[in-house]
PDB file of N, CA and C in Angstrom:
ATOM      1  N   MET A   1      37.091  70.234 113.663  1.00  0.00           N
ATOM      2  CA  MET A   1      38.608  70.178 114.040  1.00  0.00           C
ATOM      3  C   MET A   1      38.774  71.179 115.269  1.00  0.00           C
ATOM      4  N   GLY A   2      39.848  70.638 116.136  1.00  0.00           N
ATOM      5  CA  GLY A   2      40.312  71.226 117.222  1.00  0.00           C
ATOM      6  C   GLY A   2      41.405  72.276 116.901  1.00  0.00           C
ATOM      7  N   LYS A   3      41.706  73.049 117.884  1.00  0.00           N
ATOM      8  CA  LYS A   3      42.868  74.189 117.877  1.00  0.00           C
ATOM      9  C   LYS A   3      43.998  73.776 118.600  1.00  0.00           C
ATOM     10  N   LYS A   4      45.014  73.891 117.991  1.00  0.00           N
ATOM     11  CA  LYS A   4      46.377  73.695 118.734  1.00  0.00           C
ATOM     12  C   LYS A   4      46.991  74.856 119.243  1.00  0.00           C
ATOM     13  N   LEU A   5      47.408  74.748 120.591  1.00  0.00           N
ATOM     14  CA  LEU A   5      47.847  75.898 121.302  1.00  0.00           C
ATOM     15  C   LEU A   5      49.352  75.783 121.585  1.00  0.00           C
ATOM     16  N   TYR A   6      50.027  77.019 121.739  1.00  0.00           N
ATOM     17  CA  TYR A   6      51.461  77.058 122.112  1.00  0.00           C
ATOM     18  C   TYR A   6      51.465  77.377 123.665  1.00  0.00           C
ATOM     19  N   ILE A   7      51.992  76.730 124.558  1.00  0.00           N
ATOM     20  CA  ILE A   7      52.024  77.177 125.948  1.00  0.00           C
ATOM     21  C   ILE A   7      53.473  77.345 126.289  1.00  0.00           C
ATOM     22  N   GLY A   8      53.721  78.527 126.546  1.00  0.00           N
ATOM     23  CA  GLY A   8      55.268  79.139 126.856  1.00  0.00           C
ATOM     24  C   GLY A   8      55.393  79.360 128.365  1.00  0.00           C
ATOM     25  N   ASN A   9      56.748  79.538 128.591  1.00  0.00           N
ATOM     26  CA  ASN A   9      57.111  79.730 130.029  1.00  0.00           C
ATOM     27  C   ASN A   9      56.696  78.840 131.088  1.00  0.00           C
ATOM     28  N   LEU A  10      56.759  77.487 130.669  1.00  0.00           N
ATOM     29  CA  LEU A  10      56.533  76.427 131.265  1.00  0.00           C
ATOM     30  C   LEU A  10      57.586  76.291 132.532  1.00  0.00           C
ATOM     31  N   SER A  11      57.133  75.839 133.611  1.00  0.00           N
ATOM     32  CA  SER A  11      58.347  75.262 134.675  1.00  0.00           C
ATOM     33  C   SER A  11      58.803  74.027 134.031  1.00  0.00           C
ATOM     34  N   TYR A  12      60.087  73.768 134.348  1.00  0.00           N
ATOM     35  CA  TYR A  12      60.662  72.614 133.721  1.00  0.00           C
ATOM     36  C   TYR A  12      60.243  71.386 134.430  1.00  0.00           C
ATOM     37  N   SER A  13      59.733  71.505 135.622  1.00  0.00           N
ATOM     38  CA  SER A  13      59.108  70.284 136.155  1.00  0.00           C
ATOM     39  C   SER A  13      57.620  69.951 135.811  1.00  0.00           C
ATOM     40  N   VAL A  14      56.943  70.557 134.904  1.00  0.00           N
ATOM     41  CA  VAL A  14      55.535  70.203 134.221  1.00  0.00           C
ATOM     42  C   VAL A  14      55.738  69.098 133.427  1.00  0.00           C
ATOM     43  N   ASP A  15      54.983  68.370 133.335  1.00  0.00           N
ATOM     44  CA  ASP A  15      54.852  67.147 132.475  1.00  0.00           C
ATOM     45  C   ASP A  15      53.658  67.288 131.517  1.00  0.00           C
ATOM     46  N   SER A  16      53.458  66.414 130.382  1.00  0.00           N
ATOM     47  CA  SER A  16      52.276  66.597 129.649  1.00  0.00           C
ATOM     48  C   SER A  16      50.963  66.275 130.457  1.00  0.00           C
ATOM     49  N   ASN A  17      50.975  65.224 131.391  1.00  0.00           N
ATOM     50  CA  ASN A  17      49.788  64.843 131.945  1.00  0.00           C
ATOM     51  C   ASN A  17      49.256  65.874 132.999  1.00  0.00           C
ATOM     52  N   GLN A  18      50.365  66.611 133.665  1.00  0.00           N
ATOM     53  CA  GLN A  18      49.653  67.540 134.522  1.00  0.00           C
ATOM     54  C   GLN A  18      49.094  68.812 133.514  1.00  0.00           C
ATOM     55  N   LEU A  19      49.739  69.135 132.566  1.00  0.00           N
ATOM     56  CA  LEU A  19      49.091  70.112 131.433  1.00  0.00           C
ATOM     57  C   LEU A  19      47.759  69.772 131.088  1.00  0.00           C
ATOM     58  N   ALA A  20      47.524  68.473 130.605  1.00  0.00           N
ATOM     59  CA  ALA A  20      46.287  67.814 130.208  1.00  0.00           C
ATOM     60  C   ALA A  20      45.215  68.003 131.257  1.00  0.00           C
ATOM     61  N   ASP A  21      45.737  67.603 132.417  1.00  0.00           N
ATOM     62  CA  ASP A  21      44.896  67.856 133.650  1.00  0.00           C
ATOM     63  C   ASP A  21      44.178  69.253 134.092  1.00  0.00           C
ATOM     64  N   LEU A  22      45.213  70.190 133.765  1.00  0.00           N
ATOM     65  CA  LEU A  22      44.694  71.463 134.106  1.00  0.00           C
ATOM     66  C   LEU A  22      43.716  72.051 133.022  1.00  0.00           C
ATOM     67  N   PHE A  23      43.977  71.810 131.675  1.00  0.00           N
ATOM     68  CA  PHE A  23      43.276  72.288 130.652  1.00  0.00           C
ATOM     69  C   PHE A  23      41.837  71.299 130.465  1.00  0.00           C
ATOM     70  N   SER A  24      41.838  70.479 131.032  1.00  0.00           N
ATOM     71  CA  SER A  24      40.591  69.503 131.150  1.00  0.00           C
ATOM     72  C   SER A  24      39.468  70.039 131.676  1.00  0.00           C
ATOM     73  N   GLN A  25      39.898  70.984 132.620  1.00  0.00           N
ATOM     74  CA  GLN A  25      38.775  71.751 133.565  1.00  0.00           C
ATOM     75  C   GLN A  25      38.023  72.802 132.572  1.00  0.00           C
ATOM     76  N   VAL A  26      38.518  73.028 131.262  1.00  0.00           N
ATOM     77  CA  VAL A  26      38.013  74.012 130.621  1.00  0.00           C
ATOM     78  C   VAL A  26      37.088  73.240 129.416  1.00  0.00           C
ATOM     79  N   GLY A  27      37.669  71.912 129.058  1.00  0.00           N
ATOM     80  CA  GLY A  27      37.128  71.167 127.702  1.00  0.00           C
ATOM     81  C   GLY A  27      38.028  69.890 127.422  1.00  0.00           C
ATOM     82  N   THR A  28      37.831  69.298 126.380  1.00  0.00           N
ATOM     83  CA  THR A  28      38.373  68.058 126.050  1.00  0.00           C
ATOM     84  C   THR A  28      39.801  68.139 125.525  1.00  0.00           C
ATOM     85  N   VAL A  29      40.781  67.617 126.249  1.00  0.00           N
ATOM     86  CA  VAL A  29      42.181  67.738 125.556  1.00  0.00           C
ATOM     87  C   VAL A  29      42.545  66.591 124.624  1.00  0.00           C
ATOM     88  N   ASP A  30      42.840  66.889 123.520  1.00  0.00           N
ATOM     89  CA  ASP A  30      43.071  65.855 122.301  1.00  0.00           C
ATOM     90  C   ASP A  30      44.447  65.153 122.692  1.00  0.00           C
ATOM     91  N   SER A  31      45.305  66.178 122.945  1.00  0.00           N
ATOM     92  CA  SER A  31      46.743  66.054 123.211  1.00  0.00           C
ATOM     93  C   SER A  31      47.428  66.776 124.025  1.00  0.00           C
ATOM     94  N   ALA A  32      48.389  66.421 124.725  1.00  0.00           N
ATOM     95  CA  ALA A  32      49.420  67.322 125.455  1.00  0.00           C
ATOM     96  C   ALA A  32      50.749  67.198 125.289  1.00  0.00           C
ATOM     97  N   ASN A  33      51.553  67.762 124.889  1.00  0.00           N
ATOM     98  CA  ASN A  33      52.696  67.231 124.416  1.00  0.00           C
ATOM     99  C   ASN A  33      54.096  68.386 124.942  1.00  0.00           C
ATOM    100  N   VAL A  34      54.559  68.247 126.269  1.00  0.00           N
ATOM    101  CA  VAL A  34      55.730  69.120 126.812  1.00  0.00           C
ATOM    102  C   VAL A  34      56.992  68.569 125.619  1.00  0.00           C
ATOM    103  N   ILE A  35      57.481  69.737 125.298  1.00  0.00           N
ATOM    104  CA  ILE A  35      58.794  69.310 124.350  1.00  0.00           C
ATOM    105  C   ILE A  35      59.884  69.279 125.078  1.00  0.00           C
ATOM    106  N   MET A  36      60.605  68.127 124.890  1.00  0.00           N
ATOM    107  CA  MET A  36      61.842  67.703 125.648  1.00  0.00           C
ATOM    108  C   MET A  36      63.061  67.537 124.834  1.00  0.00           C
ATOM    109  N   ASP A  37      64.155  68.277 125.399  1.00  0.00           N
ATOM    110  CA  ASP A  37      65.418  68.197 124.816  1.00  0.00           C
ATOM    111  C   ASP A  37      66.043  66.769 124.482  1.00  0.00           C
ATOM    112  N   ARG A  38      66.164  66.431 123.300  1.00  0.00           N
ATOM    113  CA  ARG A  38      66.438  64.836 123.170  1.00  0.00           C
ATOM    114  C   ARG A  38      67.828  64.573 123.778  1.00  0.00           C
ATOM    115  N   ASP A  39      68.703  65.470 123.943  1.00  0.00           N
ATOM    116  CA  ASP A  39      69.833  64.917 124.659  1.00  0.00           C
ATOM    117  C   ASP A  39      69.968  64.888 126.147  1.00  0.00           C
ATOM    118  N   THR A  40      69.385  65.838 126.857  1.00  0.00           N
ATOM    119  CA  THR A  40      69.285  65.870 128.364  1.00  0.00           C
ATOM    120  C   THR A  40      67.856  65.340 128.729  1.00  0.00           C
ATOM    121  N   ARG A  41      66.932  65.148 127.741  1.00  0.00           N
ATOM    122  CA  ARG A  41      65.705  64.612 128.461  1.00  0.00           C
ATOM    123  C   ARG A  41      65.010  65.514 129.348  1.00  0.00           C
ATOM    124  N   ARG A  42      65.255  66.614 129.342  1.00  0.00           N
ATOM    125  CA  ARG A  42      64.706  67.830 130.141  1.00  0.00           C
ATOM    126  C   ARG A  42      63.801  68.650 129.423  1.00  0.00           C
ATOM    127  N   SER A  43      62.612  69.276 130.029  1.00  0.00           N
ATOM    128  CA  SER A  43      61.839  69.955 129.425  1.00  0.00           C
ATOM    129  C   SER A  43      62.466  71.443 128.706  1.00  0.00           C
ATOM    130  N   LYS A  44      61.765  71.747 127.712  1.00  0.00           N
ATOM    131  CA  LYS A  44      62.430  72.932 127.100  1.00  0.00           C
ATOM    132  C   LYS A  44      61.708  74.105 127.518  1.00  0.00           C
ATOM    133  N   GLY A  45      60.607  73.993 128.227  1.00  0.00           N
ATOM    134  CA  GLY A  45      59.755  75.081 128.832  1.00  0.00           C
ATOM    135  C   GLY A  45      58.639  75.548 127.935  1.00  0.00           C
ATOM    136  N   PHE A  46      58.406  74.565 127.151  1.00  0.00           N
ATOM    137  CA  PHE A  46      57.229  74.869 126.303  1.00  0.00           C
ATOM    138  C   PHE A  46      56.328  73.889 125.843  1.00  0.00           C
ATOM    139  N   ALA A  47      55.191  73.756 125.357  1.00  0.00           N
ATOM    140  CA  ALA A  47      54.430  72.711 125.046  1.00  0.00           C
ATOM    141  C   ALA A  47      53.252  72.999 123.965  1.00  0.00           C
ATOM    142  N   PHE A  48      52.719  72.078 123.404  1.00  0.00           N
ATOM    143  CA  PHE A  48      51.758  72.200 122.462  1.00  0.00           C
ATOM    144  C   PHE A  48      50.347  71.429 123.082  1.00  0.00           C
ATOM    145  N   VAL A  49      49.290  72.056 122.946  1.00  0.00           N
ATOM    146  CA  VAL A  49      48.056  71.328 123.398  1.00  0.00           C
ATOM    147  C   VAL A  49      46.946  71.311 122.392  1.00  0.00           C
ATOM    148  N   GLU A  50      46.488  70.094 121.967  1.00  0.00           N
ATOM    149  CA  GLU A  50      45.332  70.419 121.118  1.00  0.00           C
ATOM    150  C   GLU A  50      44.070  70.153 121.889  1.00  0.00           C
ATOM    151  N   MET A  51      43.087  71.073 121.634  1.00  0.00           N
ATOM    152  CA  MET A  51      41.817  70.910 122.194  1.00  0.00           C
ATOM    153  C   MET A  51      40.821  70.364 121.241  1.00  0.00           C
ATOM    154  N   ALA A  52      39.806  69.824 121.569  1.00  0.00           N
ATOM    155  CA  ALA A  52      38.769  69.370 120.670  1.00  0.00           C
ATOM    156  C   ALA A  52      37.974  70.168 119.874  1.00  0.00           C
ATOM    157  N   GLU A  53      37.740  71.332 120.563  1.00  0.00           N
ATOM    158  CA  GLU A  53      36.899  72.352 119.987  1.00  0.00           C
ATOM    159  C   GLU A  53      37.595  73.630 119.809  1.00  0.00           C
ATOM    160  N   GLU A  54      37.178  74.609 118.951  1.00  0.00           N
ATOM    161  CA  GLU A  54      37.913  75.914 118.911  1.00  0.00           C
ATOM    162  C   GLU A  54      37.403  76.878 120.050  1.00  0.00           C
ATOM    163  N   SER A  55      36.230  76.734 120.414  1.00  0.00           N
ATOM    164  CA  SER A  55      35.729  77.462 121.676  1.00  0.00           C
ATOM    165  C   SER A  55      36.375  76.912 122.715  1.00  0.00           C
ATOM    166  N   GLU A  56      36.742  75.757 123.212  1.00  0.00           N
ATOM    167  CA  GLU A  56      37.539  75.302 124.127  1.00  0.00           C
ATOM    168  C   GLU A  56      38.940  75.964 124.325  1.00  0.00           C
ATOM    169  N   ALA A  57      39.520  76.009 123.057  1.00  0.00           N
ATOM    170  CA  ALA A  57      40.710  76.377 122.950  1.00  0.00           C
ATOM    171  C   ALA A  57      40.862  78.044 123.279  1.00  0.00           C
ATOM    172  N   GLN A  58      39.887  78.757 122.806  1.00  0.00           N
ATOM    173  CA  GLN A  58      39.607  80.098 122.995  1.00  0.00           C
ATOM    174  C   GLN A  58      39.410  80.373 124.757  1.00  0.00           C
ATOM    175  N   ALA A  59      38.642  79.390 125.458  1.00  0.00           N
ATOM    176  CA  ALA A  59      38.330  79.437 126.785  1.00  0.00           C
ATOM    177  C   ALA A  59      39.656  79.118 127.693  1.00  0.00           C
ATOM    178  N   VAL A  60      40.585  78.299 127.090  1.00  0.00           N
ATOM    179  CA  VAL A  60      41.751  78.032 127.706  1.00  0.00           C
ATOM    180  C   VAL A  60      42.560  79.069 127.740  1.00  0.00           C
ATOM    181  N   ILE A  61      42.764  80.015 126.543  1.00  0.00           N
ATOM    182  CA  ILE A  61      43.501  81.065 126.444  1.00  0.00           C
ATOM    183  C   ILE A  61      42.916  82.314 127.542  1.00  0.00           C
ATOM    184  N   SER A  62      41.685  82.361 127.475  1.00  0.00           N
ATOM    185  CA  SER A  62      40.907  83.472 128.413  1.00  0.00           C
ATOM    186  C   SER A  62      41.282  83.153 129.857  1.00  0.00           C
ATOM    187  N   LYS A  63      40.974  81.991 130.384  1.00  0.00           N
ATOM    188  CA  LYS A  63      41.138  81.428 131.756  1.00  0.00           C
ATOM    189  C   LYS A  63      42.503  81.218 132.288  1.00  0.00           C
ATOM    190  N   PHE A  64      43.544  80.728 131.535  1.00  0.00           N
ATOM    191  CA  PHE A  64      44.887  80.341 131.885  1.00  0.00           C
ATOM    192  C   PHE A  64      46.008  81.155 131.614  1.00  0.00           C
ATOM    193  N   ASN A  65      45.856  81.972 130.546  1.00  0.00           N
ATOM    194  CA  ASN A  65      47.083  82.836 130.031  1.00  0.00           C
ATOM    195  C   ASN A  65      47.403  83.871 131.009  1.00  0.00           C
ATOM    196  N   GLY A  66      48.591  83.831 131.449  1.00  0.00           N
ATOM    197  CA  GLY A  66      49.047  84.851 132.335  1.00  0.00           C
ATOM    198  C   GLY A  66      48.785  84.323 133.859  1.00  0.00           C
ATOM    199  N   THR A  67      48.241  83.103 134.142  1.00  0.00           N
ATOM    200  CA  THR A  67      48.136  82.551 135.318  1.00  0.00           C
ATOM    201  C   THR A  67      49.357  81.757 135.728  1.00  0.00           C
ATOM    202  N   ASP A  68      49.430  81.546 137.159  1.00  0.00           N
ATOM    203  CA  ASP A  68      50.623  80.927 137.603  1.00  0.00           C
ATOM    204  C   ASP A  68      50.373  79.401 137.830  1.00  0.00           C
ATOM    205  N   PHE A  69      51.264  78.648 137.095  1.00  0.00           N
ATOM    206  CA  PHE A  69      51.283  77.178 137.173  1.00  0.00           C
ATOM    207  C   PHE A  69      52.794  76.779 137.198  1.00  0.00           C
ATOM    208  N   GLY A  70      52.928  76.191 138.393  1.00  0.00           N
ATOM    209  CA  GLY A  70      54.311  75.434 138.696  1.00  0.00           C
ATOM    210  C   GLY A  70      55.154  76.684 139.059  1.00  0.00           C
ATOM    211  N   GLY A  71      54.722  77.706 139.478  1.00  0.00           N
ATOM    212  CA  GLY A  71      55.674  78.850 139.925  1.00  0.00           C
ATOM    213  C   GLY A  71      56.001  79.893 138.767  1.00  0.00           C
ATOM    214  N   ARG A  72      55.507  79.712 137.767  1.00  0.00           N
ATOM    215  CA  ARG A  72      55.511  80.607 136.426  1.00  0.00           C
ATOM    216  C   ARG A  72      54.281  81.043 135.757  1.00  0.00           C
ATOM    217  N   ALA A  73      54.321  82.169 135.367  1.00  0.00           N
ATOM    218  CA  ALA A  73      53.138  82.635 134.503  1.00  0.00           C
ATOM    219  C   ALA A  73      53.137  82.055 133.183  1.00  0.00           C
ATOM    220  N   LEU A  74      51.917  81.390 132.707  1.00  0.00           N
ATOM    221  CA  LEU A  74      51.770  80.863 131.607  1.00  0.00           C
ATOM    222  C   LEU A  74      51.629  81.884 130.506  1.00  0.00           C
ATOM    223  N   ASN A  75      52.152  81.542 129.335  1.00  0.00           N
ATOM    224  CA  ASN A  75      51.988  82.434 128.181  1.00  0.00           C
ATOM    225  C   ASN A  75      51.207  81.368 127.002  1.00  0.00           C
ATOM    226  N   ILE A  76      50.026  81.530 126.895  1.00  0.00           N
ATOM    227  CA  ILE A  76      49.335  80.716 125.975  1.00  0.00           C
ATOM    228  C   ILE A  76      48.688  81.392 124.892  1.00  0.00           C
ATOM    229  N   SER A  77      49.151  80.887 123.466  1.00  0.00           N
ATOM    230  CA  SER A  77      48.517  81.579 122.238  1.00  0.00           C
ATOM    231  C   SER A  77      48.253  80.341 121.338  1.00  0.00           C
ATOM    232  N   GLU A  78      47.638  80.930 120.314  1.00  0.00           N
ATOM    233  CA  GLU A  78      47.279  79.821 119.135  1.00  0.00           C
ATOM    234  C   GLU A  78      48.526  79.452 118.593  1.00  0.00           C
ATOM    235  N   ALA A  79      48.868  78.068 118.282  1.00  0.00           N
ATOM    236  CA  ALA A  79      50.051  77.818 117.502  1.00  0.00           C
ATOM    237  C   ALA A  79      50.142  78.158 116.150  1.00  0.00           C
ATOM    238  N   LYS A  80      51.287  78.583 115.831  1.00  0.00           N
ATOM    239  CA  LYS A  80      51.431  78.973 114.346  1.00  0.00           C
ATOM    240  C   LYS A  80      51.946  77.722 113.513  1.00  0.00           C
ATOM    241  N   PRO A  81      51.694  77.562 112.478  1.00  0.00           N
ATOM    242  CA  PRO A  81      52.227  76.519 111.659  1.00  0.00           C
ATOM    243  C   PRO A  81      53.618  76.592 111.497  1.00  0.00           C
ATOM    244  N   GLN A  82      54.337  75.394 111.468  1.00  0.00           N
ATOM    245  CA  GLN A  82      55.691  75.285 111.583  1.00  0.00           C
ATOM    246  C   GLN A  82      56.087  75.650 110.198  1.00  0.00           C
ATOM    247  N   ALA A  83      57.212  76.797 110.100  1.00  0.00           N
ATOM    248  CA  ALA A  83      57.610  77.441 108.880  1.00  0.00           C
ATOM    249  C   ALA A  83      58.757  76.221 108.067  1.00  0.00           C
ATOM    250  N   PRO A  84      58.661  76.116 107.052  1.00  0.00           N
ATOM    251  CA  PRO A  84      59.594  75.127 106.301  1.00  0.00           C
ATOM    252  C   PRO A  84      61.120  75.651 106.549  1.00  0.00           C
ATOM    253  N   ARG A  85      61.847  74.637 106.640  1.00  0.00           N
ATOM    254  CA  ARG A  85      63.317  74.799 106.968  1.00  0.00           C
ATOM    255  C   ARG A  85      63.875  75.083 105.905  1.00  0.00           C
ATOM    256  N   GLU A  86      64.807  76.059 105.818  1.00  0.00           N
ATOM    257  CA  GLU A  86      65.456  76.671 104.688  1.00  0.00           C
ATOM    258  C   GLU A  86      67.012  76.081 104.454  1.00  0.00           C
ATOM    259  N   GLY A  87      67.479  76.094 103.325  1.00  0.00           N
ATOM    260  CA  GLY A  87      68.685  75.265 103.168  1.00  0.00           C
ATOM    261  C   GLY A  87      68.502  73.779 102.618  1.00  0.00           C
ATOM    262  N   GLY A  88      69.327  73.384 102.005  1.00  0.00           N
ATOM    263  CA  GLY A  88      69.395  71.917 101.730  1.00  0.00           C
ATOM    264  C   GLY A  88      70.232  71.183 102.514  1.00  0.00           C
ATOM    265  N   SER A  89      71.025  71.610 103.089  1.00  0.00           N
ATOM    266  CA  SER A  89      72.154  71.129 104.028  1.00  0.00           C
ATOM    267  C   SER A  89      71.470  70.388 105.108  1.00  0.00           C
ATOM    268  N   ARG A  90      71.947  69.287 105.663  1.00  0.00           N
ATOM    269  CA  ARG A  90      71.468  68.558 106.813  1.00  0.00           C
ATOM    270  C   ARG A  90      72.533  68.646 107.774  1.00  0.00           C
ATOM    271  N   GLY A  91      73.392  69.603 107.715  1.00  0.00           N
ATOM    272  CA  GLY A  91      74.446  69.805 108.805  1.00  0.00           C
ATOM    273  C   GLY A  91      75.475  68.736 108.604  1.00  0.00           C
ATOM    274  N   GLY A  92      76.476  68.696 109.677  1.00  0.00           N
ATOM    275  CA  GLY A  92      77.265  67.515 109.712  1.00  0.00           C
ATOM    276  C   GLY A  92      78.595  67.992 109.385  1.00  0.00           C
ATOM    277  N   PHE A  93      79.436  67.219 109.036  1.00  0.00           N
ATOM    278  CA  PHE A  93      80.787  67.441 108.391  1.00  0.00           C
ATOM    279  C   PHE A  93      80.785  67.320 106.870  1.00  0.00           C
ATOM    280  N   ASN A  94      81.479  67.961 106.089  1.00  0.00           N
ATOM    281  CA  ASN A  94      81.967  67.655 104.875  1.00  0.00           C
ATOM    282  C   ASN A  94      83.154  66.821 104.522  1.00  0.00           C
ATOM    283  N   ASN A  95      83.083  65.403 104.315  1.00  0.00           N
ATOM    284  CA  ASN A  95      84.029  64.824 104.494  1.00  0.00           C
ATOM    285  C   ASN A  95      84.923  64.447 103.182  1.00  0.00           C
ATOM    286  N   SER A  96      84.458  65.423 102.141  1.00  0.00           N
ATOM    287  CA  SER A  96      85.191  64.981 100.751  1.00  0.00           C
ATOM    288  C   SER A  96      86.255  66.030 100.950  1.00  0.00           C
ATOM    289  N   ARG A  97      87.316  65.462 100.252  1.00  0.00           N
ATOM    290  CA  ARG A  97      88.663  66.210 100.358  1.00  0.00           C
ATOM    291  C   ARG A  97      88.835  66.335  98.770  1.00  0.00           C
ATOM    292  N   ARG A  98      89.543  67.422  98.451  1.00  0.00           N
ATOM    293  CA  ARG A  98      89.907  67.465  97.129  1.00  0.00           C
ATOM    294  C   ARG A  98      91.290  67.386  96.965  1.00  0.00           C
ATOM    295  N   SER A  99      91.832  66.672  96.091  1.00  0.00           N
ATOM    296  CA  SER A  99      93.363  66.666  95.848  1.00  0.00           C
ATOM    297  C   SER A  99      93.774  67.499  94.666  1.00  0.00           C
ATOM    298  N   TYR A 100      94.752  68.186  94.836  1.00  0.00           N
ATOM    299  CA  TYR A 100      95.105  69.282  93.552  1.00  0.00           C
ATOM    300  C   TYR A 100      96.286  68.684  92.909  1.00  0.00           C
TER     301      TYR A 100
END
């Protein structure tokens, strides 16, 4: 099983393909996903990349963490599992009205 990496401090102009091309210098990239804002369709400045091997993921961190890419220094670390969201509310408006 591969390793999932968090890539922070990305330039807003970097796309998933550019990131995959960069990291493929070190090993096999299973997936690269730059996170986009759903309303503006603009990059949020971070991404997740999955490498085929754990050793390749460590090599990516060693080689590229802190290096300049697209005018910004990359911040690369092991991705942490997403914490469960708290609260049962799904947001929105409460349309129920009480009449007294």
